[in-house]
C-alpha atoms as a PDB file:
ATOM      1  CA  MET A   1     -31.223 -19.552  -8.137  1.00  0.00           C
ATOM      2  CA  PRO A   2     -27.676 -20.747  -7.258  1.00  0.00           C
ATOM      3  CA  ARG A   3     -26.682 -19.815 -10.815  1.00  0.00           C
ATOM      4  CA  MET A   4     -27.881 -16.236 -10.269  1.00  0.00           C
ATOM      5  CA  ASP A   5     -25.956 -16.053  -6.982  1.00  0.00           C
ATOM      6  CA  GLU A   6     -22.766 -17.101  -8.754  1.00  0.00           C
ATOM      7  CA  VAL A   7     -23.295 -14.465 -11.451  1.00  0.00           C
ATOM      8  CA  ARG A   8     -23.927 -11.838  -8.782  1.00  0.00           C
ATOM      9  CA  LEU A   9     -20.716 -12.759  -6.923  1.00  0.00           C
ATOM     10  CA  VAL A  10     -18.695 -12.653 -10.147  1.00  0.00           C
ATOM     11  CA  MET A  11     -20.142  -9.257 -11.052  1.00  0.00           C
ATOM     12  CA  GLU A  12     -19.433  -7.965  -7.538  1.00  0.00           C
ATOM     13  CA  ALA A  13     -15.825  -9.178  -7.702  1.00  0.00           C
ATOM     14  CA  PHE A  14     -15.398  -7.620 -11.144  1.00  0.00           C
ATOM     15  CA  GLY A  15     -16.895  -4.301  -9.999  1.00  0.00           C
ATOM     16  CA  ILE A  16     -14.814  -4.067  -6.827  1.00  0.00           C
ATOM     17  CA  GLY A  17     -11.658  -5.127  -8.650  1.00  0.00           C
ATOM     18  CA  ALA A  18     -12.201  -2.625 -11.455  1.00  0.00           C
ATOM     19  CA  CYS A  19     -12.812   0.205  -8.978  1.00  0.00           C
ATOM     20  CA  TYR A  20      -9.717  -0.734  -6.954  1.00  0.00           C
ATOM     21  CA  ILE A  21      -7.504  -0.783 -10.063  1.00  0.00           C
ATOM     22  CA  ALA A  22      -8.964   2.478 -11.391  1.00  0.00           C
ATOM     23  CA  VAL A  23      -8.616   4.399  -8.111  1.00  0.00           C
ATOM     24  CA  SER A  24      -5.143   3.013  -7.359  1.00  0.00           C
ATOM     25  CA  CYS A  25      -3.818   3.806 -10.835  1.00  0.00           C
ATOM     26  CA  SER A  26      -5.427   7.239 -10.853  1.00  0.00           C
ATOM     27  CA  LEU A  27      -3.754   8.131  -7.539  1.00  0.00           C
ATOM     28  CA  ILE A  28      -0.304   7.141  -8.804  1.00  0.00           C
ATOM     29  CA  THR A  29      -0.648   9.076 -12.062  1.00  0.00           C
ATOM     30  CA  PHE A  30      -2.299  11.988 -10.219  1.00  0.00           C
ATOM     31  CA  ASN A  31       0.650  12.228  -7.800  1.00  0.00           C
ATOM     32  CA  LYS A  32       3.104  12.227 -10.687  1.00  0.00           C
ATOM     33  CA  TYR A  33       1.102  14.944 -12.457  1.00  0.00           C
ATOM     34  CA  LEU A  34       0.917  17.193  -9.387  1.00  0.00           C
ATOM     35  CA  MET A  35       4.589  16.782  -8.474  1.00  0.00           C
ATOM     36  CA  HIS A  36       5.663  18.501 -11.709  1.00  0.00           C
ATOM     37  CA  GLU A  37       7.848  21.562 -11.163  1.00  0.00           C
ATOM     38  CA  ASP A  38       5.219  23.795 -12.778  1.00  0.00           C
ATOM     39  CA  ARG A  39       2.396  22.605 -10.484  1.00  0.00           C
ATOM     40  CA  PHE A  40       2.967  21.532  -6.858  1.00  0.00           C
ATOM     41  CA  PRO A  41       6.477  20.063  -6.398  1.00  0.00           C
ATOM     42  CA  HIS A  42       6.259  20.168  -2.584  1.00  0.00           C
ATOM     43  CA  ALA A  43       6.209  16.571  -1.390  1.00  0.00           C
ATOM     44  CA  LYS A  44       5.880  17.234   2.348  1.00  0.00           C
ATOM     45  CA  ALA A  45       3.034  19.711   1.940  1.00  0.00           C
ATOM     46  CA  LEU A  46       1.231  17.370  -0.478  1.00  0.00           C
ATOM     47  CA  THR A  47       1.630  14.415   1.879  1.00  0.00           C
ATOM     48  CA  ALA A  48       0.446  16.504   4.845  1.00  0.00           C
ATOM     49  CA  THR A  49      -2.652  17.469   2.838  1.00  0.00           C
ATOM     50  CA  HIS A  50      -3.288  13.791   2.074  1.00  0.00           C
ATOM     51  CA  MET A  51      -3.158  12.875   5.754  1.00  0.00           C
ATOM     52  CA  SER A  52      -5.285  15.867   6.824  1.00  0.00           C
ATOM     53  CA  VAL A  53      -8.053  14.925   4.403  1.00  0.00           C
ATOM     54  CA  THR A  54      -7.744  11.226   5.327  1.00  0.00           C
ATOM     55  CA  LEU A  55      -8.133  12.078   9.026  1.00  0.00           C
ATOM     56  CA  CYS A  56     -11.131  14.365   8.442  1.00  0.00           C
ATOM     57  CA  MET A  57     -12.895  11.960   6.069  1.00  0.00           C
ATOM     58  CA  SER A  58     -12.203   8.990   8.365  1.00  0.00           C
ATOM     59  CA  MET A  59     -13.774  10.817  11.314  1.00  0.00           C
ATOM     60  CA  ILE A  60     -16.808  11.765   9.211  1.00  0.00           C
ATOM     61  CA  LEU A  61     -17.197   8.200   7.932  1.00  0.00           C
ATOM     62  CA  TYR A  62     -16.900   6.833  11.478  1.00  0.00           C
ATOM     63  CA  LYS A  63     -19.573   9.268  12.657  1.00  0.00           C
ATOM     64  CA  VAL A  64     -21.926   8.423   9.794  1.00  0.00           C
ATOM     65  CA  ALA A  65     -21.297   4.664   9.603  1.00  0.00           C
ATOM     66  CA  PRO A  66     -19.685   3.346  12.813  1.00  0.00           C
ATOM     67  CA  SER A  67     -20.504  -0.215  11.745  1.00  0.00           C
ATOM     68  CA  LEU A  68     -17.632   0.054   9.236  1.00  0.00           C
ATOM     69  CA  TYR A  69     -15.263   0.261  12.235  1.00  0.00           C
ATOM     70  CA  PRO A  70     -16.077  -2.951  14.133  1.00  0.00           C
ATOM     71  CA  THR A  71     -12.876  -3.002  16.210  1.00  0.00           C
ATOM     72  CA  MET A  72     -12.907   0.669  17.270  1.00  0.00           C
ATOM     73  CA  GLY A  73     -14.242  -0.296  20.710  1.00  0.00           C
ATOM     74  CA  LYS A  74     -11.375  -2.710  21.235  1.00  0.00           C
ATOM     75  CA  ALA A  75      -8.923  -0.021  20.102  1.00  0.00           C
ATOM     76  CA  LYS A  76     -10.308   2.491  22.608  1.00  0.00           C
ATOM     77  CA  ASP A  77     -10.014  -0.039  25.428  1.00  0.00           C
ATOM     78  CA  ASN A  78      -6.365  -0.737  24.540  1.00  0.00           C
ATOM     79  CA  TRP A  79      -5.264   2.752  23.459  1.00  0.00           C
ATOM     80  CA  GLN A  80      -2.087   2.706  25.575  1.00  0.00           C
ATOM     81  CA  THR A  81      -0.887  -0.525  23.985  1.00  0.00           C
ATOM     82  CA  LEU A  82      -1.791   0.734  20.519  1.00  0.00           C
ATOM     83  CA  LEU A  83      -0.042   4.059  21.035  1.00  0.00           C
ATOM     84  CA  LYS A  84       3.386   2.480  21.411  1.00  0.00           C
ATOM     85  CA  TYR A  85       2.921   0.921  17.972  1.00  0.00           C
ATOM     86  CA  LEU A  86       1.102   3.765  16.232  1.00  0.00           C
ATOM     87  CA  VAL A  87       3.629   6.515  17.002  1.00  0.00           C
ATOM     88  CA  PRO A  88       6.569   4.859  15.197  1.00  0.00           C
ATOM     89  CA  LEU A  89       4.145   3.501  12.600  1.00  0.00           C
ATOM     90  CA  GLY A  90       2.811   6.973  11.840  1.00  0.00           C
ATOM     91  CA  THR A  91       6.317   8.396  11.523  1.00  0.00           C
ATOM     92  CA  LEU A  92       7.388   5.619   9.167  1.00  0.00           C
ATOM     93  CA  PHE A  93       4.245   6.028   7.073  1.00  0.00           C
ATOM     94  CA  ALA A  94       4.834   9.781   6.789  1.00  0.00           C
ATOM     95  CA  LEU A  95       8.434   9.164   5.700  1.00  0.00           C
ATOM     96  CA  ALA A  96       7.336   6.546   3.156  1.00  0.00           C
ATOM     97  CA  LEU A  97       4.719   8.821   1.594  1.00  0.00           C
ATOM     98  CA  TYR A  98       7.026  11.824   1.502  1.00  0.00           C
ATOM     99  CA  CYS A  99       9.907   9.981  -0.170  1.00  0.00           C
ATOM    100  CA  SER A 100       7.538   8.237  -2.579  1.00  0.00           C
ATOM    101  CA  ASN A 101       6.029  11.537  -3.728  1.00  0.00           C
ATOM    102  CA  LYS A 102       9.447  13.232  -3.859  1.00  0.00           C
ATOM    103  CA  ALA A 103      10.793  10.460  -6.098  1.00  0.00           C
ATOM    104  CA  TYR A 104       8.308  11.467  -8.816  1.00  0.00           C
ATOM    105  CA  LEU A 105      10.419  14.579  -9.395  1.00  0.00           C
ATOM    106  CA  TYR A 106      13.354  12.458 -10.552  1.00  0.00           C
ATOM    107  CA  SER A 107      12.107   9.137 -11.936  1.00  0.00           C
ATOM    108  CA  SER A 108       9.361   7.786 -14.173  1.00  0.00           C
ATOM    109  CA  VAL A 109       6.215   6.168 -12.807  1.00  0.00           C
ATOM    110  CA  ALA A 110       7.079   2.905 -14.569  1.00  0.00           C
ATOM    111  CA  PHE A 111      10.564   2.709 -13.024  1.00  0.00           C
ATOM    112  CA  LEU A 112       9.251   3.474  -9.526  1.00  0.00           C
ATOM    113  CA  GLN A 113       6.571   0.818  -9.961  1.00  0.00           C
ATOM    114  CA  PHE A 114       9.238  -1.711 -10.935  1.00  0.00           C
ATOM    115  CA  CYS A 115      11.113  -0.858  -7.737  1.00  0.00           C
ATOM    116  CA  LYS A 116       7.979  -1.225  -5.580  1.00  0.00           C
ATOM    117  CA  GLU A 117       7.641  -4.852  -6.621  1.00  0.00           C
ATOM    118  CA  GLY A 118      10.637  -5.568  -4.396  1.00  0.00           C
ATOM    119  CA  ASN A 119       8.559  -4.765  -1.297  1.00  0.00           C
ATOM    120  CA  VAL A 120       7.551  -8.396  -0.922  1.00  0.00           C
ATOM    121  CA  VAL A 121      11.227  -9.326  -0.458  1.00  0.00           C
ATOM    122  CA  ILE A 122      11.874  -6.576   2.106  1.00  0.00           C
ATOM    123  CA  VAL A 123       8.756  -7.444   4.115  1.00  0.00           C
ATOM    124  CA  PHE A 124       9.697 -11.140   4.181  1.00  0.00           C
ATOM    125  CA  ALA A 125      13.231 -10.367   5.405  1.00  0.00           C
ATOM    126  CA  MET A 126      11.927  -8.084   8.171  1.00  0.00           C
ATOM    127  CA  ALA A 127       9.223 -10.562   9.200  1.00  0.00           C
ATOM    128  CA  VAL A 128      11.754 -13.405   9.470  1.00  0.00           C
ATOM    129  CA  MET A 129      14.105 -11.271  11.577  1.00  0.00           C
ATOM    130  CA  ILE A 130      11.434 -10.539  14.183  1.00  0.00           C
ATOM    131  CA  GLY A 131       9.832 -13.995  14.049  1.00  0.00           C
ATOM    132  CA  LEU A 132       6.561 -13.184  12.269  1.00  0.00           C
ATOM    133  CA  GLN A 133       7.336 -15.604   9.428  1.00  0.00           C
ATOM    134  CA  ALA A 134       9.253 -18.855   9.228  1.00  0.00           C
ATOM    135  CA  PHE A 135      12.301 -19.028   6.967  1.00  0.00           C
ATOM    136  CA  SER A 136      12.217 -21.548   4.124  1.00  0.00           C
ATOM    137  CA  TRP A 137      14.358 -22.123   1.042  1.00  0.00           C
ATOM    138  CA  THR A 138      11.199 -22.401  -1.075  1.00  0.00           C
ATOM    139  CA  LYS A 139      10.315 -18.827  -0.190  1.00  0.00           C
ATOM    140  CA  VAL A 140      13.875 -17.691  -0.868  1.00  0.00           C
ATOM    141  CA  ALA A 141      13.792 -19.365  -4.287  1.00  0.00           C
ATOM    142  CA  ILE A 142      10.519 -17.640  -5.234  1.00  0.00           C
ATOM    143  CA  LEU A 143      11.683 -14.263  -3.962  1.00  0.00           C
ATOM    144  CA  SER A 144      14.938 -14.692  -5.909  1.00  0.00           C
ATOM    145  CA  VAL A 145      12.785 -14.639  -9.041  1.00  0.00           C
ATOM    146  CA  VAL A 146      11.346 -11.265  -7.957  1.00  0.00           C
ATOM    147  CA  VAL A 147      14.805  -9.882  -7.159  1.00  0.00           C
ATOM    148  CA  THR A 148      16.098 -10.996 -10.561  1.00  0.00           C
ATOM    149  CA  GLY A 149      13.222  -9.227 -12.303  1.00  0.00           C
ATOM    150  CA  CYS A 150      13.740  -6.032 -10.268  1.00  0.00           C
ATOM    151  CA  SER A 151      17.462  -6.041 -11.096  1.00  0.00           C
ATOM    152  CA  LEU A 152      16.724  -6.329 -14.820  1.00  0.00           C
ATOM    153  CA  CYS A 153      14.225  -3.452 -14.603  1.00  0.00           C
ATOM    154  CA  ALA A 154      16.703  -1.203 -12.781  1.00  0.00           C
ATOM    155  CA  HIS A 155      19.541  -2.094 -15.172  1.00  0.00           C
ATOM    156  CA  GLY A 156      17.298  -1.463 -18.170  1.00  0.00           C
ATOM    157  CA  GLU A 157      16.167   2.024 -17.050  1.00  0.00           C
ATOM    158  CA  ILE A 158      16.927   4.454 -19.868  1.00  0.00           C
ATOM    159  CA  HIS A 159      16.959   7.620 -17.715  1.00  0.00           C
ATOM    160  CA  PHE A 160      18.341   6.321 -14.414  1.00  0.00           C
ATOM    161  CA  VAL A 161      18.637   8.995 -11.678  1.00  0.00           C
ATOM    162  CA  TRP A 162      20.307   8.038  -8.406  1.00  0.00           C
ATOM    163  CA  MET A 163      18.316  10.525  -6.295  1.00  0.00           C
ATOM    164  CA  GLY A 164      14.994   9.095  -7.449  1.00  0.00           C
ATOM    165  CA  PHE A 165      16.241   5.540  -6.849  1.00  0.00           C
ATOM    166  CA  ILE A 166      17.504   6.334  -3.320  1.00  0.00           C
ATOM    167  CA  LEU A 167      14.294   8.166  -2.371  1.00  0.00           C
ATOM    168  CA  GLN A 168      12.275   5.206  -3.601  1.00  0.00           C
ATOM    169  CA  LEU A 169      14.386   2.734  -1.600  1.00  0.00           C
ATOM    170  CA  VAL A 170      13.987   4.809   1.578  1.00  0.00           C
ATOM    171  CA  SER A 171      10.239   4.955   0.928  1.00  0.00           C
ATOM    172  CA  GLN A 172      10.052   1.194   0.459  1.00  0.00           C
ATOM    173  CA  PHE A 173      12.032   0.329   3.596  1.00  0.00           C
ATOM    174  CA  ALA A 174       9.910   2.755   5.635  1.00  0.00           C
ATOM    175  CA  GLU A 175       6.686   1.353   4.173  1.00  0.00           C
ATOM    176  CA  CYS A 176       7.746  -2.245   4.754  1.00  0.00           C
ATOM    177  CA  ALA A 177       8.725  -1.472   8.347  1.00  0.00           C
ATOM    178  CA  LYS A 178       5.324   0.186   8.761  1.00  0.00           C
ATOM    179  CA  ASN A 179       3.580  -2.870   7.325  1.00  0.00           C
ATOM    180  CA  THR A 180       5.504  -5.160   9.665  1.00  0.00           C
ATOM    181  CA  ILE A 181       4.450  -3.105  12.684  1.00  0.00           C
ATOM    182  CA  GLY A 182       0.948  -3.015  11.240  1.00  0.00           C
ATOM    183  CA  GLU A 183       0.886  -6.809  11.074  1.00  0.00           C
ATOM    184  CA  VAL A 184       1.738  -6.927  14.778  1.00  0.00           C
ATOM    185  CA  VAL A 185      -1.021  -4.444  15.580  1.00  0.00           C
ATOM    186  CA  MET A 186      -3.649  -6.063  13.363  1.00  0.00           C
ATOM    187  CA  SER A 187      -2.814  -9.709  14.056  1.00  0.00           C
ATOM    188  CA  GLY A 188      -0.650  -9.957  17.171  1.00  0.00           C
ATOM    189  CA  SER A 189      -0.662  -8.643  20.721  1.00  0.00           C
ATOM    190  CA  GLY A 190      -4.278  -9.740  21.054  1.00  0.00           C
ATOM    191  CA  LEU A 191      -5.370  -6.847  18.833  1.00  0.00           C
ATOM    192  CA  LYS A 192      -6.824  -7.511  15.411  1.00  0.00           C
ATOM    193  CA  LEU A 193      -7.972  -4.194  13.942  1.00  0.00           C
ATOM    194  CA  ASP A 194     -10.027  -3.758  10.800  1.00  0.00           C
ATOM    195  CA  VAL A 195      -8.409  -1.714   8.023  1.00  0.00           C
ATOM    196  CA  LEU A 196     -10.516   1.439   8.386  1.00  0.00           C
ATOM    197  CA  THR A 197      -9.997   1.620  12.150  1.00  0.00           C
ATOM    198  CA  PHE A 198      -6.288   1.198  11.538  1.00  0.00           C
ATOM    199  CA  VAL A 199      -6.302   4.041   8.966  1.00  0.00           C
ATOM    200  CA  LEU A 200      -8.197   6.383  11.286  1.00  0.00           C
ATOM    201  CA  LEU A 201      -5.883   5.773  14.241  1.00  0.00           C
ATOM    202  CA  GLN A 202      -2.607   6.035  12.338  1.00  0.00           C
ATOM    203  CA  ALA A 203      -3.597   9.207  10.417  1.00  0.00           C
ATOM    204  CA  PRO A 204      -2.911  11.701  13.272  1.00  0.00           C
ATOM    205  CA  CYS A 205       0.356   9.919  14.094  1.00  0.00           C
ATOM    206  CA  SER A 206       1.466  10.463  10.486  1.00  0.00           C
ATOM    207  CA  LEU A 207       0.072  13.989  10.205  1.00  0.00           C
ATOM    208  CA  LEU A 208       1.921  15.415  13.227  1.00  0.00           C
ATOM    209  CA  PRO A 209       5.518  14.858  11.989  1.00  0.00           C
ATOM    210  CA  LEU A 210       4.496  16.031   8.505  1.00  0.00           C
ATOM    211  CA  VAL A 211       2.993  19.279   9.819  1.00  0.00           C
ATOM    212  CA  VAL A 212       6.035  19.969  12.001  1.00  0.00           C
ATOM    213  CA  SER A 213       8.459  19.211   9.179  1.00  0.00           C
ATOM    214  CA  THR A 214       6.497  21.326   6.678  1.00  0.00           C
ATOM    215  CA  ALA A 215       6.372  24.246   9.127  1.00  0.00           C
ATOM    216  CA  LEU A 216      10.128  24.072   9.767  1.00  0.00           C
ATOM    217  CA  THR A 217      10.922  24.096   6.035  1.00  0.00           C
ATOM    218  CA  TRP A 218       8.118  26.421   4.952  1.00  0.00           C
ATOM    219  CA  GLN A 219       8.569  28.491   1.821  1.00  0.00           C
ATOM    220  CA  PRO A 220       6.206  31.170   0.433  1.00  0.00           C
ATOM    221  CA  GLU A 221       6.162  29.292  -2.888  1.00  0.00           C
ATOM    222  CA  ILE A 222       4.187  26.472  -1.233  1.00  0.00           C
ATOM    223  CA  TRP A 223       1.196  28.699  -0.486  1.00  0.00           C
ATOM    224  CA  ILE A 224       1.361  30.339  -3.924  1.00  0.00           C
ATOM    225  CA  ALA A 225       1.351  26.940  -5.634  1.00  0.00           C
ATOM    226  CA  PHE A 226      -1.448  25.706  -3.356  1.00  0.00           C
ATOM    227  CA  GLN A 227      -3.633  28.699  -4.230  1.00  0.00           C
ATOM    228  CA  ALA A 228      -3.079  28.020  -7.931  1.00  0.00           C
ATOM    229  CA  HIS A 229      -3.876  24.288  -7.735  1.00  0.00           C
ATOM    230  CA  TRP A 230      -5.923  23.852  -4.526  1.00  0.00           C
ATOM    231  CA  ALA A 231      -8.839  22.134  -6.263  1.00  0.00           C
ATOM    232  CA  LEU A 232      -6.589  19.490  -7.839  1.00  0.00           C
ATOM    233  CA  ILE A 233      -4.698  18.993  -4.575  1.00  0.00           C
ATOM    234  CA  LEU A 234      -7.882  18.394  -2.558  1.00  0.00           C
ATOM    235  CA  LEU A 235      -9.245  16.094  -5.267  1.00  0.00           C
ATOM    236  CA  ASN A 236      -5.955  14.211  -5.147  1.00  0.00           C
ATOM    237  CA  ALA A 237      -6.251  13.868  -1.353  1.00  0.00           C
ATOM    238  CA  LEU A 238      -9.825  12.555  -1.687  1.00  0.00           C
ATOM    239  CA  ASN A 239      -8.481  10.065  -4.223  1.00  0.00           C
ATOM    240  CA  ALA A 240      -6.020   8.826  -1.571  1.00  0.00           C
ATOM    241  CA  PHE A 241      -8.812   8.407   1.002  1.00  0.00           C
ATOM    242  CA  ALA A 242     -11.023   6.595  -1.522  1.00  0.00           C
ATOM    243  CA  LEU A 243      -8.202   4.116  -2.083  1.00  0.00           C
ATOM    244  CA  ASN A 244      -8.057   3.343   1.653  1.00  0.00           C
ATOM    245  CA  VAL A 245     -11.786   2.608   1.674  1.00  0.00           C
ATOM    246  CA  LEU A 246     -11.500   0.421  -1.425  1.00  0.00           C
ATOM    247  CA  VAL A 247      -8.597  -1.529   0.055  1.00  0.00           C
ATOM    248  CA  ALA A 248     -10.749  -2.281   3.104  1.00  0.00           C
ATOM    249  CA  THR A 249     -13.687  -3.284   0.875  1.00  0.00           C
ATOM    250  CA  THR A 250     -11.523  -5.481  -1.342  1.00  0.00           C
ATOM    251  CA  LEU A 251      -9.974  -7.330   1.598  1.00  0.00           C
ATOM    252  CA  LYS A 252     -13.390  -7.868   3.164  1.00  0.00           C
ATOM    253  CA  ARG A 253     -15.413  -8.912   0.121  1.00  0.00           C
ATOM    254  CA  LEU A 254     -12.954 -10.767  -2.117  1.00  0.00           C
ATOM    255  CA  SER A 255     -10.848 -13.879  -1.649  1.00  0.00           C
ATOM    256  CA  ALA A 256      -7.070 -13.859  -1.264  1.00  0.00           C
ATOM    257  CA  VAL A 257      -6.713 -15.319  -4.777  1.00  0.00           C
ATOM    258  CA  ALA A 258      -8.782 -12.503  -6.277  1.00  0.00           C
ATOM    259  CA  PHE A 259      -6.748  -9.896  -4.385  1.00  0.00           C
ATOM    260  CA  VAL A 260      -3.467 -11.297  -5.758  1.00  0.00           C
ATOM    261  CA  ILE A 261      -4.830 -11.322  -9.320  1.00  0.00           C
ATOM    262  CA  ILE A 262      -6.136  -7.768  -8.977  1.00  0.00           C
ATOM    263  CA  GLY A 263      -2.755  -6.625  -7.622  1.00  0.00           C
ATOM    264  CA  ILE A 264      -0.937  -8.078 -10.635  1.00  0.00           C
ATOM    265  CA  MET A 265      -3.408  -6.462 -13.037  1.00  0.00           C
ATOM    266  CA  LYS A 266      -3.069  -3.109 -11.265  1.00  0.00           C
ATOM    267  CA  ASP A 267       0.726  -3.146 -11.529  1.00  0.00           C
ATOM    268  CA  SER A 268       0.500  -3.914 -15.237  1.00  0.00           C
ATOM    269  CA  VAL A 269      -2.020  -1.115 -15.830  1.00  0.00           C
ATOM    270  CA  VAL A 270       0.193   1.399 -13.959  1.00  0.00           C
ATOM    271  CA  VAL A 271       3.159   0.589 -16.204  1.00  0.00           C
ATOM    272  CA  VAL A 272       1.053   0.859 -19.375  1.00  0.00           C
ATOM    273  CA  LEU A 273      -0.524   4.154 -18.257  1.00  0.00           C
ATOM    274  CA  SER A 274       2.880   5.568 -17.376  1.00  0.00           C
ATOM    275  CA  SER A 275       4.078   4.928 -20.892  1.00  0.00           C
ATOM    276  CA  ALA A 276       0.882   6.198 -22.523  1.00  0.00           C
ATOM    277  CA  ILE A 277       0.257   9.344 -20.422  1.00  0.00           C
ATOM    278  CA  PHE A 278       3.741  10.544 -19.507  1.00  0.00           C
ATOM    279  CA  GLY A 279       5.630   9.083 -22.454  1.00  0.00           C
ATOM    280  CA  ASP A 280       7.920   7.000 -20.230  1.00  0.00           C
ATOM    281  CA  ARG A 281      10.098   4.818 -22.410  1.00  0.00           C
ATOM    282  CA  ILE A 282      10.227   1.166 -21.353  1.00  0.00           C
ATOM    283  CA  SER A 283      13.159  -0.881 -22.605  1.00  0.00           C
ATOM    284  CA  LEU A 284      12.976  -4.508 -23.751  1.00  0.00           C
ATOM    285  CA  MET A 285      15.022  -5.531 -20.697  1.00  0.00           C
ATOM    286  CA  GLN A 286      12.433  -3.886 -18.424  1.00  0.00           C
ATOM    287  CA  ILE A 287       9.575  -5.682 -20.184  1.00  0.00           C
ATOM    288  CA  ILE A 288      11.359  -8.999 -19.633  1.00  0.00           C
ATOM    289  CA  GLY A 289      12.200  -8.061 -16.041  1.00  0.00           C
ATOM    290  CA  PHE A 290       8.615  -7.020 -15.291  1.00  0.00           C
ATOM    291  CA  SER A 291       7.294 -10.296 -16.707  1.00  0.00           C
ATOM    292  CA  ILE A 292       9.683 -12.181 -14.419  1.00  0.00           C
ATOM    293  CA  ILE A 293       8.543 -10.070 -11.446  1.00  0.00           C
ATOM    294  CA  MET A 294       4.870 -10.765 -12.134  1.00  0.00           C
ATOM    295  CA  THR A 295       5.628 -14.502 -12.345  1.00  0.00           C
ATOM    296  CA  GLY A 296       7.419 -14.362  -8.994  1.00  0.00           C
ATOM    297  CA  ILE A 297       4.603 -12.349  -7.369  1.00  0.00           C
ATOM    298  CA  ALA A 298       2.022 -14.850  -8.648  1.00  0.00           C
ATOM    299  CA  LEU A 299       4.042 -17.772  -7.232  1.00  0.00           C
ATOM    300  CA  TRP A 300       4.464 -15.939  -3.925  1.00  0.00           C
ATOM    301  CA  GLY A 301       0.744 -15.173  -3.719  1.00  0.00           C
ATOM    302  CA  ASN A 302      -0.102 -18.803  -4.394  1.00  0.00           C
ATOM    303  CA  LEU A 303       2.307 -19.926  -1.648  1.00  0.00           C
ATOM    304  CA  LYS A 304       0.852 -17.488   0.914  1.00  0.00           C
ATOM    305  CA  ILE A 305      -2.701 -18.557   0.036  1.00  0.00           C
ATOM    306  CA  LYS A 306      -1.787 -22.213   0.663  1.00  0.00           C
ATOM    307  CA  GLU A 307      -0.165 -21.274   3.989  1.00  0.00           C
ATOM    308  CA  GLN A 308      -3.293 -19.406   5.065  1.00  0.00           C
ATOM    309  CA  ALA A 309      -5.484 -22.350   4.054  1.00  0.00           C
ATOM    310  CA  GLU A 310      -3.365 -24.672   6.229  1.00  0.00           C
ATOM    311  CA  LYS A 311      -3.652 -22.259   9.173  1.00  0.00           C
ATOM    312  CA  ASP A 312      -7.424 -22.084   8.764  1.00  0.00           C
ATOM    313  CA  LYS A 313      -7.605 -25.874   8.602  1.00  0.00           C
ATOM    314  CA  LEU A 314      -5.570 -26.217  11.797  1.00  0.00           C
ATOM    315  CA  GLY A 315      -7.794 -23.608  13.433  1.00  0.00           C
ATOM    316  CA  GLU A 316     -10.865 -25.680  12.592  1.00  0.00           C
ATOM    317  CA  GLN A 317      -9.280 -28.914  13.837  1.00  0.00           C
ATOM    318  CA  GLU A 318      -8.106 -27.492  17.195  1.00  0.00           C
ATOM    319  CA  PRO A 319     -11.557 -27.155  18.792  1.00  0.00           C
ATOM    320  CA  LEU A 320     -12.412 -30.698  17.631  1.00  0.00           C
ATOM    321  CA  ALA A 321      -9.219 -32.021  19.213  1.00  0.00           C
ATOM    322  CA  LYS A 322     -10.042 -30.289  22.500  1.00  0.00           C
ATOM    323  CA  ALA A 323     -13.572 -31.681  22.416  1.00  0.00           C
ATOM    324  CA  ALA A 324     -12.201 -35.193  21.813  1.00  0.00           C
ATOM    325  CA  LYS A 325      -9.950 -34.904  24.885  1.00  0.00           C
ATOM    326  CA  VAL A 326     -12.904 -33.864  27.018  1.00  0.00           C
END
């Protein structure tokens, strides 16, 4: 019987991981496909559609299965505290999504994916500055490996376009700032929100600035392009919502080690698909750089897993220590 349980857990991990990789990769390639000049090259309108569908689907899912939102009650009780985080968070998330989608007009999927690997460095720097993480030279050494790999990938880009690179950097800094605020909301301030509750609450805060910005810069071509490709655009938005649900499922059902491994596999698949589907040329220097990045990410993931294990161990020992004093 234990043997069957192990097989079932392995199959579950494989199934969830495969779905996460497939949906994540499909969204990235789907965005690139839609952002072509002949289809729907309107980043703000596309991002606003994503957030509209995410908000609607999140509300429907909450109505149908409220058990998937275990911390919604806590969020409602502390809505004033949450609001001061969610407003800037929503704005940053909207900016990150807009710039990320806009960058597809200028750069290849593979190059943008190489750039995204640097997020771990940006998040660490921001977290250290506000005291969420402790500085250590071991972490700096590991992250230096990632930076080296990213530099090689950028230097080896065959069709380098500054506009795409700048848009991607703005997107990454906005996303990392959003993640840092999100860590405070989900782990600090006495509020630990589950992922789906977090997605539902931040969706309207992201949608509002996108709707206002789209309205202020509206062009008739947006509606014409939407009418021509509305089915693909809505399917793309549902793809984005499905990814949010899968992220929540993956974090809940799989271990931290499995999540790191799946992330590395997903990044590799995105690069391969970019080359196969869109014909993006990848130089030898970028292959070497990407290999270095993946090594650095694996080392970083291993370090963070060990840190979390030590925290959990201390958490288990603390009640025993208190009981001993009594």
